[in-house]
Amino acid sequence: MSSAIVLIGLIVLLIVGVSAAFALGMAGLGYFAFTRGLDGIPYEIITQRLVGTIDSFTLLAIPLFLFVGHMMNESGATTRVFRFANVLVGHWRGGLAQVNVLASMLFAGMSGSGTADAAGLGAIELKAMREAGYDDDTSIGVTVGSALIGPIIPPSIAAILYAVLAEVSPADVLLAGAIPGVLMAVSLMILVALLAKRRGLPSSPFPGMGELWRTFVAAIWSLLTPFILIGGIMAGVFTATESGAIAALWATLVAVFIHRSVNLKGLLGVLRRSAYDSAVIMFILACSGLFAWILTRARLPQTIADGILGVTADPTIVMVMMAAFLIVVGCFMAVAVSINILTPILVPIAVTIGMDPVHFGIVMIMILVIGEATPPFGMVLFVMTRIAGVPFDRVVRASLPFLAAIALVILLVAIFPALALWLPQHVG
């Protein structure tokens, strides 16, 4: 009874607009006030739980990944990657729309964030497509769709958060997102090719091998970042957290000494933004850790699992029910917040029906990422509305065909676990 009340209290706080971290903390205090009275709230235990949740070597990867993404944006890597992608596939059917997807996939291996992709590379992509005569529906829709690749391909902040909360290998979860992320890009590129003839999308002639080589040389140092990250993990040279440190060092060396595009002031700005974003995520994670401990203490995950399995024990139906629930949640909460709240509840259910927790984690993250591009609170939609200067509903309509292509990939990954598990099982 007390766990149900505290869960309802959390939902009410979120609905009325209380920020996620404070809502989680207030709900946790409310649980103890309800069960022990105001005089019996164990502040010492609460403090220990808050600190203990983020006292993790694995979580050091989050500020490091954030630093890499901010450094790449600051150093102009987005422009160099876009130019290389333009020369490489700009002559394909769909032209710059294909470039948009490929550039976002390449940049995803550096940023780990859909919002960062939309705000940084997305602005460049949208401007280039408009200047080339592309209609806004295609330009906006493909930019929104391609931005969603960011949280799937490693480095992925969402994957690190899930791994910590689900108590599975961070390296396995990171590697599990590589193939699904590439499949998302492939599905979007196929859709672009199909739309090219119907919408009359222009394409540019191939500028020649000389230009391809020149843009490749200009972008190669930035493009090496994801290979360092993923390759080091696959080879067992370093852990997921250590890979973040290596990538951060590499990104700094490239920006400061090779391209010389970031000075001391720019470096301090990158550190400041990374510290701020890290503090926000860690504060949410600390409060969600307290809330998750309370839910476990109250046996709420087990109660929910028993209730669902009491209705049906069919793994397919249970998975469909959880997927539908995640779709609804993703429309109202940010990916990081949803993972923090729902992982302790849903992972025991997934394990009970026989799902691998790493496979479930990728499916869960992919579904929640769709929420970044769905109303009413999709952050990528808001970023694109600001960048494109068009009404919110126009951005939503333009995004729908591309979200459908991504949804098809999610369905394939859910049905065929090997798409997510092959890399972790063979090279993780």
Protein backbone atom coordinates (compact mmCIF):
# COMPACT_ATOMS: atom_id res chain seq x y z
CA MET A 1 0.00 0.00 0.00
CA SER A 2 2.76 2.46 0.99
CA SER A 3 4.75 1.74 -2.19
CA ALA A 4 1.69 2.36 -4.36
CA ILE A 5 1.07 5.68 -2.61
CA VAL A 6 4.66 6.84 -3.06
CA LEU A 7 4.57 5.84 -6.75
CA ILE A 8 1.33 7.77 -7.27
CA GLY A 9 2.90 10.70 -5.43
CA LEU A 10 5.86 10.66 -7.82
CA ILE A 11 3.55 10.67 -10.86
CA VAL A 12 1.55 13.58 -9.45
CA LEU A 13 4.70 15.59 -8.77
CA LEU A 14 5.96 15.01 -12.31
CA ILE A 15 2.58 15.97 -13.80
CA VAL A 16 2.43 19.27 -11.92
CA GLY A 17 5.87 20.19 -13.22
CA VAL A 18 8.29 19.39 -10.38
CA SER A 19 11.70 18.55 -11.84
CA ALA A 20 12.55 14.84 -11.95
CA ALA A 21 15.30 14.86 -9.33
CA PHE A 22 13.27 16.80 -6.75
CA ALA A 23 10.17 14.71 -7.48
CA LEU A 24 12.13 11.50 -6.85
CA GLY A 25 13.66 12.88 -3.64
CA MET A 26 10.34 14.20 -2.33
CA ALA A 27 8.64 10.88 -3.11
CA GLY A 28 11.36 9.07 -1.17
CA LEU A 29 10.94 11.34 1.84
CA GLY A 30 7.19 10.90 1.54
CA TYR A 31 7.54 7.14 1.80
CA PHE A 32 9.42 7.32 5.09
CA ALA A 33 7.08 10.02 6.42
CA PHE A 34 4.11 7.77 5.61
CA THR A 35 5.62 4.59 7.07
CA ARG A 36 7.56 6.04 10.03
CA GLY A 37 6.13 9.48 10.66
CA LEU A 38 7.87 12.83 10.28
CA ASP A 39 10.05 12.21 13.33
CA GLY A 40 11.20 8.83 12.04
CA ILE A 41 12.69 9.83 8.69
CA PRO A 42 16.18 8.20 8.58
CA TYR A 43 18.19 11.07 7.16
CA GLU A 44 21.50 9.27 7.68
CA ILE A 45 20.35 6.29 5.60
CA ILE A 46 18.94 8.59 2.92
CA THR A 47 22.26 10.43 2.68
CA GLN A 48 24.17 7.16 2.42
CA ARG A 49 21.88 5.96 -0.37
CA LEU A 50 22.17 9.21 -2.30
CA VAL A 51 25.96 9.17 -2.15
CA GLY A 52 26.27 5.40 -2.57
CA THR A 53 24.30 5.40 -5.82
CA ILE A 54 26.77 7.66 -7.63
CA ASP A 55 29.88 6.31 -5.88
CA SER A 56 30.68 4.16 -8.90
CA PHE A 57 33.71 3.90 -11.15
CA THR A 58 31.43 3.04 -14.07
CA LEU A 59 29.57 6.36 -13.76
CA LEU A 60 32.79 8.26 -14.43
CA ALA A 61 32.11 7.44 -18.08
CA ILE A 62 29.18 9.88 -18.15
CA PRO A 63 31.11 13.16 -17.64
CA LEU A 64 33.82 11.85 -19.95
CA PHE A 65 31.36 11.04 -22.74
CA LEU A 66 29.71 14.42 -22.25
CA PHE A 67 33.10 16.11 -22.50
CA VAL A 68 33.87 14.30 -25.77
CA GLY A 69 30.56 15.40 -27.29
CA HIS A 70 30.97 19.04 -26.25
CA MET A 71 34.60 19.09 -27.41
CA MET A 72 33.65 17.74 -30.82
CA ASN A 73 31.00 20.42 -31.23
CA GLU A 74 33.37 23.15 -30.06
CA SER A 75 36.25 22.04 -32.30
CA GLY A 76 34.27 22.08 -35.54
CA ALA A 77 34.33 18.30 -35.93
CA THR A 78 30.64 18.41 -36.90
CA THR A 79 31.42 20.52 -39.97
CA ARG A 80 34.32 18.30 -41.05
CA VAL A 81 32.27 15.12 -40.62
CA PHE A 82 29.38 16.63 -42.57
CA ARG A 83 31.64 17.64 -45.47
CA PHE A 84 33.15 14.16 -45.66
CA ALA A 85 29.71 12.52 -45.60
CA ASN A 86 28.53 14.95 -48.28
CA VAL A 87 31.30 13.95 -50.68
CA LEU A 88 30.87 10.26 -49.85
CA VAL A 89 27.09 9.85 -50.38
CA GLY A 90 25.83 13.24 -51.58
CA HIS A 91 25.51 11.85 -55.11
CA TRP A 92 23.23 8.99 -53.99
CA ARG A 93 19.49 9.11 -54.55
CA GLY A 94 18.24 11.58 -51.97
CA GLY A 95 21.51 13.55 -51.90
CA LEU A 96 21.83 15.66 -48.76
CA ALA A 97 19.13 13.65 -46.98
CA GLN A 98 21.45 10.62 -47.24
CA VAL A 99 24.33 12.80 -46.06
CA ASN A 100 22.22 13.87 -43.09
CA VAL A 101 21.78 10.28 -41.92
CA LEU A 102 25.38 9.19 -42.50
CA ALA A 103 26.82 12.28 -40.79
CA SER A 104 24.55 11.75 -37.78
CA MET A 105 25.60 8.10 -37.54
CA LEU A 106 29.28 9.09 -37.61
CA PHE A 107 28.75 11.89 -35.09
CA ALA A 108 26.77 9.50 -32.84
CA GLY A 109 30.05 7.73 -32.19
CA MET A 110 31.32 10.93 -30.59
CA SER A 111 28.36 12.57 -28.80
CA GLY A 112 26.08 9.87 -27.32
CA SER A 113 23.16 12.30 -27.19
CA GLY A 114 20.25 12.86 -29.55
CA THR A 115 19.74 16.42 -28.33
CA ALA A 116 23.42 17.26 -28.89
CA ASP A 117 23.21 15.82 -32.40
CA ALA A 118 20.09 17.85 -33.22
CA ALA A 119 21.47 21.09 -31.76
CA GLY A 120 24.99 20.82 -33.21
CA LEU A 121 25.13 18.79 -36.41
CA GLY A 122 21.38 19.17 -37.01
CA ALA A 123 21.67 22.93 -37.49
CA ILE A 124 24.37 22.44 -40.13
CA GLU A 125 22.38 19.72 -41.90
CA LEU A 126 19.15 21.70 -41.96
CA LYS A 127 20.84 24.84 -43.29
CA ALA A 128 22.62 22.92 -46.07
CA MET A 129 19.44 21.11 -47.15
CA ARG A 130 17.39 24.30 -47.28
CA GLU A 131 20.05 26.08 -49.33
CA ALA A 132 20.09 23.13 -51.76
CA GLY A 133 16.33 23.42 -52.33
CA TYR A 134 15.02 20.58 -50.16
CA ASP A 135 11.48 20.92 -48.85
CA ASP A 136 11.07 21.51 -45.10
CA ASP A 137 9.17 18.25 -44.50
CA THR A 138 12.12 16.20 -45.72
CA SER A 139 14.79 18.43 -44.19
CA ILE A 140 13.19 18.55 -40.75
CA GLY A 141 11.94 14.97 -40.71
CA VAL A 142 15.24 13.33 -41.63
CA THR A 143 17.17 15.57 -39.21
CA VAL A 144 14.89 14.55 -36.33
CA GLY A 145 15.08 10.86 -37.28
CA SER A 146 18.86 10.81 -37.68
CA ALA A 147 19.37 12.58 -34.34
CA LEU A 148 17.82 9.58 -32.57
CA ILE A 149 20.79 7.42 -33.56
CA GLY A 150 22.96 9.33 -31.07
CA PRO A 151 21.85 7.63 -27.83
CA ILE A 152 22.07 4.13 -29.37
CA ILE A 153 25.53 3.89 -30.96
CA PRO A 154 28.33 3.92 -28.37
CA PRO A 155 29.30 6.04 -26.55
CA SER A 156 25.83 6.13 -25.04
CA ILE A 157 25.02 7.83 -21.75
CA ALA A 158 21.69 6.00 -21.63
CA ALA A 159 23.52 2.66 -21.91
CA ILE A 160 25.80 3.52 -18.98
CA LEU A 161 22.85 4.54 -16.81
CA TYR A 162 20.97 1.34 -17.63
CA ALA A 163 24.02 -0.86 -17.02
CA VAL A 164 24.58 0.61 -13.56
CA LEU A 165 20.93 0.31 -12.51
CA ALA A 166 20.43 -3.16 -14.03
CA GLU A 167 23.78 -4.38 -12.67
CA VAL A 168 25.01 -5.67 -16.03
CA SER A 169 28.28 -5.08 -17.88
CA PRO A 170 28.51 -1.51 -19.22
CA ALA A 171 30.74 -2.74 -22.06
CA ASP A 172 28.11 -5.29 -23.09
CA VAL A 173 25.32 -2.72 -23.17
CA LEU A 174 27.47 -0.25 -25.12
CA LEU A 175 28.44 -2.86 -27.70
CA ALA A 176 24.84 -4.10 -27.94
CA GLY A 177 23.80 -0.73 -29.35
CA ALA A 178 26.25 -0.74 -32.28
CA ILE A 179 24.37 -2.98 -34.73
CA PRO A 180 20.88 -1.60 -33.89
CA GLY A 181 22.25 1.94 -34.33
CA VAL A 182 23.65 1.11 -37.76
CA LEU A 183 20.34 -0.56 -38.69
CA MET A 184 18.51 2.63 -37.72
CA ALA A 185 20.73 4.56 -40.13
CA VAL A 186 20.21 1.99 -42.89
CA SER A 187 16.43 2.09 -42.46
CA LEU A 188 16.42 5.89 -42.70
CA MET A 189 18.62 5.83 -45.81
CA ILE A 190 16.32 3.31 -47.49
CA LEU A 191 13.32 5.51 -46.67
CA VAL A 192 15.13 8.54 -48.10
CA ALA A 193 15.80 6.63 -51.33
CA LEU A 194 12.11 5.71 -51.57
CA LEU A 195 11.02 9.31 -50.94
CA ALA A 196 13.57 10.81 -53.32
CA LYS A 197 11.59 10.15 -56.49
CA ARG A 198 8.18 10.98 -54.99
CA ARG A 199 9.34 14.30 -53.52
CA GLY A 200 11.83 15.14 -56.25
CA LEU A 201 14.82 15.34 -53.93
CA PRO A 202 17.91 16.73 -55.67
CA SER A 203 21.38 15.19 -55.55
CA SER A 204 24.81 16.53 -56.46
CA PRO A 205 27.36 14.97 -58.82
CA PHE A 206 30.27 13.05 -57.33
CA PRO A 207 33.10 15.61 -56.94
CA GLY A 208 35.85 13.05 -57.56
CA MET A 209 38.28 10.94 -55.58
CA GLY A 210 40.54 13.90 -54.93
CA GLU A 211 37.84 15.78 -53.03
CA LEU A 212 36.84 12.60 -51.21
CA TRP A 213 40.41 12.12 -50.05
CA ARG A 214 40.77 15.77 -49.01
CA THR A 215 37.61 15.74 -46.85
CA PHE A 216 38.54 12.35 -45.43
CA VAL A 217 41.95 13.63 -44.33
CA ALA A 218 40.30 16.68 -42.75
CA ALA A 219 37.83 14.50 -40.82
CA ILE A 220 39.98 11.45 -40.06
CA TRP A 221 41.17 12.60 -36.64
CA SER A 222 37.59 13.13 -35.47
CA LEU A 223 36.38 9.92 -37.12
CA LEU A 224 38.97 7.93 -35.18
CA THR A 225 37.22 8.79 -31.89
CA PRO A 226 34.44 6.14 -32.09
CA PHE A 227 36.94 3.56 -33.36
CA ILE A 228 39.14 4.22 -30.34
CA LEU A 229 36.12 3.90 -28.05
CA ILE A 230 34.57 0.78 -29.54
CA GLY A 231 37.81 -0.85 -30.65
CA GLY A 232 39.41 -0.56 -27.23
CA ILE A 233 36.39 -2.13 -25.53
CA MET A 234 36.15 -4.93 -28.12
CA ALA A 235 39.85 -5.69 -27.85
CA GLY A 236 39.69 -5.77 -24.06
CA VAL A 237 42.35 -3.05 -23.80
CA PHE A 238 40.25 -0.91 -21.49
CA THR A 239 36.87 -0.78 -19.79
CA ALA A 240 33.92 1.39 -20.80
CA THR A 241 34.96 4.05 -18.28
CA GLU A 242 38.60 3.96 -19.32
CA SER A 243 37.52 4.25 -22.96
CA GLY A 244 35.76 7.50 -22.05
CA ALA A 245 38.98 8.84 -20.53
CA ILE A 246 41.01 7.84 -23.60
CA ALA A 247 38.43 9.38 -25.93
CA ALA A 248 38.36 12.61 -23.89
CA LEU A 249 42.16 12.86 -24.05
CA TRP A 250 42.11 12.12 -27.78
CA ALA A 251 39.37 14.69 -28.48
CA THR A 252 41.35 17.33 -26.57
CA LEU A 253 44.60 16.58 -28.41
CA VAL A 254 42.84 16.73 -31.78
CA ALA A 255 41.00 19.97 -31.00
CA VAL A 256 43.85 21.84 -29.30
CA PHE A 257 47.00 20.60 -31.04
CA ILE A 258 46.03 19.08 -34.40
CA HIS A 259 43.21 21.30 -35.63
CA ARG A 260 44.07 24.15 -33.23
CA SER A 261 40.41 25.14 -33.22
CA VAL A 262 39.95 25.32 -29.43
CA ASN A 263 41.87 27.81 -27.27
CA LEU A 264 42.05 28.02 -23.48
CA LYS A 265 38.77 29.95 -23.27
CA GLY A 266 37.02 27.37 -25.44
CA LEU A 267 38.44 24.51 -23.37
CA LEU A 268 37.20 26.10 -20.15
CA GLY A 269 33.78 26.52 -21.77
CA VAL A 270 33.68 22.82 -22.69
CA LEU A 271 34.67 21.86 -19.14
CA ARG A 272 32.01 24.16 -17.69
CA ARG A 273 29.22 22.73 -19.88
CA SER A 274 30.34 19.16 -19.24
CA ALA A 275 30.44 19.74 -15.47
CA TYR A 276 26.97 21.31 -15.48
CA ASP A 277 25.42 18.50 -17.55
CA SER A 278 27.18 15.87 -15.42
CA ALA A 279 25.90 17.44 -12.20
CA VAL A 280 22.33 17.41 -13.51
CA ILE A 281 22.52 13.74 -14.51
CA MET A 282 24.26 12.67 -11.29
CA PHE A 283 21.73 14.50 -9.13
CA ILE A 284 18.88 12.76 -10.93
CA LEU A 285 20.68 9.43 -10.64
CA ALA A 286 21.34 9.88 -6.90
CA CYS A 287 17.68 10.62 -6.19
CA SER A 288 16.52 7.80 -8.45
CA GLY A 289 18.86 5.43 -6.63
CA LEU A 290 17.16 6.29 -3.35
CA PHE A 291 13.75 5.82 -4.96
CA ALA A 292 14.77 2.49 -6.52
CA TRP A 293 16.01 1.25 -3.13
CA ILE A 294 12.67 2.18 -1.58
CA LEU A 295 10.76 0.36 -4.33
CA THR A 296 12.91 -2.73 -3.84
CA ARG A 297 12.51 -2.52 -0.06
CA ALA A 298 8.74 -2.33 -0.54
CA ARG A 299 8.87 -5.26 -3.04
CA LEU A 300 7.03 -3.20 -5.65
CA PRO A 301 8.92 -4.65 -8.66
CA GLN A 302 8.08 -8.17 -7.50
CA THR A 303 4.46 -7.20 -6.88
CA ILE A 304 4.13 -5.71 -10.38
CA ALA A 305 5.83 -8.75 -11.92
CA ASP A 306 3.49 -11.12 -10.08
CA GLY A 307 0.50 -9.04 -11.18
CA ILE A 308 1.51 -9.08 -14.85
CA LEU A 309 2.43 -12.75 -14.86
CA GLY A 310 -0.84 -13.48 -13.08
CA VAL A 311 -2.65 -12.13 -16.14
CA THR A 312 -0.45 -13.87 -18.72
CA ALA A 313 2.81 -15.80 -18.71
CA ASP A 314 3.28 -15.49 -22.47
CA PRO A 315 6.66 -13.74 -22.95
CA THR A 316 5.51 -12.10 -26.20
CA ILE A 317 2.41 -10.58 -24.65
CA VAL A 318 4.35 -9.41 -21.59
CA MET A 319 6.97 -7.79 -23.84
CA VAL A 320 4.26 -6.07 -25.89
CA MET A 321 2.67 -4.76 -22.68
CA MET A 322 6.01 -3.39 -21.45
CA ALA A 323 6.77 -1.88 -24.85
CA ALA A 324 3.41 -0.11 -24.95
CA PHE A 325 4.01 1.20 -21.45
CA LEU A 326 7.48 2.48 -22.41
CA ILE A 327 6.11 4.24 -25.49
CA VAL A 328 3.61 6.13 -23.33
CA VAL A 329 6.24 6.98 -20.70
CA GLY A 330 8.69 8.13 -23.37
CA CYS A 331 6.18 10.74 -24.54
CA PHE A 332 6.25 12.45 -21.15
CA MET A 333 9.69 11.86 -19.59
CA ALA A 334 13.29 12.27 -20.73
CA VAL A 335 15.24 9.12 -21.54
CA ALA A 336 17.61 9.43 -18.55
CA VAL A 337 14.75 10.00 -16.11
CA SER A 338 12.72 7.10 -17.52
CA ILE A 339 15.69 4.74 -17.29
CA ASN A 340 16.40 5.77 -13.71
CA ILE A 341 12.81 5.22 -12.59
CA LEU A 342 11.78 2.18 -14.64
CA THR A 343 14.89 -0.02 -14.82
CA PRO A 344 14.54 -1.40 -11.25
CA ILE A 345 10.87 -2.14 -11.97
CA LEU A 346 10.99 -3.65 -15.46
CA VAL A 347 14.28 -5.57 -15.51
CA PRO A 348 13.08 -8.20 -12.97
CA ILE A 349 9.98 -8.74 -15.14
CA ALA A 350 12.10 -9.12 -18.29
CA VAL A 351 14.40 -11.60 -16.59
CA THR A 352 11.40 -13.56 -15.28
CA ILE A 353 10.03 -14.07 -18.81
CA GLY A 354 13.47 -15.20 -20.01
CA MET A 355 14.82 -12.06 -21.70
CA ASP A 356 18.51 -11.31 -21.54
CA PRO A 357 18.87 -8.07 -19.50
CA VAL A 358 21.32 -6.63 -22.05
CA HIS A 359 18.89 -7.31 -24.91
CA PHE A 360 16.00 -5.85 -22.93
CA GLY A 361 18.10 -2.80 -22.10
CA ILE A 362 18.75 -1.94 -25.75
CA VAL A 363 15.10 -2.44 -26.67
CA MET A 364 14.06 -0.29 -23.72
CA ILE A 365 16.50 2.49 -24.62
CA MET A 366 15.44 2.45 -28.29
CA ILE A 367 11.76 2.74 -27.38
CA LEU A 368 12.41 5.55 -24.93
CA VAL A 369 14.59 7.36 -27.49
CA ILE A 370 11.55 7.48 -29.81
CA GLY A 371 9.99 9.58 -27.04
CA GLU A 372 12.58 12.31 -27.70
CA ALA A 373 10.79 12.90 -31.01
CA THR A 374 7.17 12.49 -29.90
CA PRO A 375 4.87 15.13 -28.39
CA PRO A 376 4.22 16.61 -25.94
CA PHE A 377 7.71 16.75 -24.38
CA GLY A 378 10.12 15.43 -27.04
CA MET A 379 13.34 17.42 -26.55
CA VAL A 380 14.57 16.82 -30.10
CA LEU A 381 11.28 18.25 -31.40
CA PHE A 382 11.74 21.41 -29.32
CA VAL A 383 15.34 21.80 -30.48
CA MET A 384 14.30 21.36 -34.11
CA THR A 385 11.40 23.80 -33.70
CA ARG A 386 13.86 26.43 -32.50
CA ILE A 387 16.47 25.70 -35.19
CA ALA A 388 14.01 25.43 -38.08
CA GLY A 389 11.81 28.35 -36.99
CA VAL A 390 8.58 26.48 -37.82
CA PRO A 391 5.58 25.55 -35.65
CA PHE A 392 5.86 22.57 -33.31
CA ASP A 393 3.06 20.63 -35.05
CA ARG A 394 4.84 21.03 -38.40
CA VAL A 395 7.96 19.39 -36.96
CA VAL A 396 5.86 16.54 -35.55
CA ARG A 397 4.14 15.83 -38.89
CA ALA A 398 7.42 15.95 -40.81
CA SER A 399 9.01 13.44 -38.41
CA LEU A 400 6.33 10.72 -38.54
CA PRO A 401 7.56 8.72 -41.62
CA PHE A 402 11.10 8.62 -40.23
CA LEU A 403 9.92 7.55 -36.78
CA ALA A 404 8.02 4.71 -38.46
CA ALA A 405 11.26 3.49 -40.08
CA ILE A 406 13.01 3.52 -36.70
CA ALA A 407 10.05 1.73 -35.07
CA LEU A 408 10.47 -1.08 -37.60
CA VAL A 409 14.10 -1.51 -36.53
CA ILE A 410 13.05 -1.64 -32.87
CA LEU A 411 10.60 -4.40 -33.75
CA LEU A 412 13.33 -6.37 -35.52
CA VAL A 413 15.73 -5.99 -32.58
CA ALA A 414 13.01 -7.10 -30.15
CA ILE A 415 12.18 -10.19 -32.26
CA PHE A 416 15.77 -11.15 -33.07
CA PRO A 417 17.94 -10.78 -29.92
CA ALA A 418 21.09 -11.66 -31.89
CA LEU A 419 20.99 -8.21 -33.49
CA ALA A 420 21.81 -6.77 -30.07
CA LEU A 421 23.70 -9.64 -28.45
CA TRP A 422 26.06 -10.79 -31.21
CA LEU A 423 28.77 -8.24 -30.51
CA PRO A 424 28.73 -8.58 -26.69
CA GLN A 425 28.74 -12.37 -26.92
CA HIS A 426 31.53 -12.67 -29.48
CA VAL A 427 33.84 -9.75 -28.81
CA GLY A 428 32.66 -8.17 -25.54
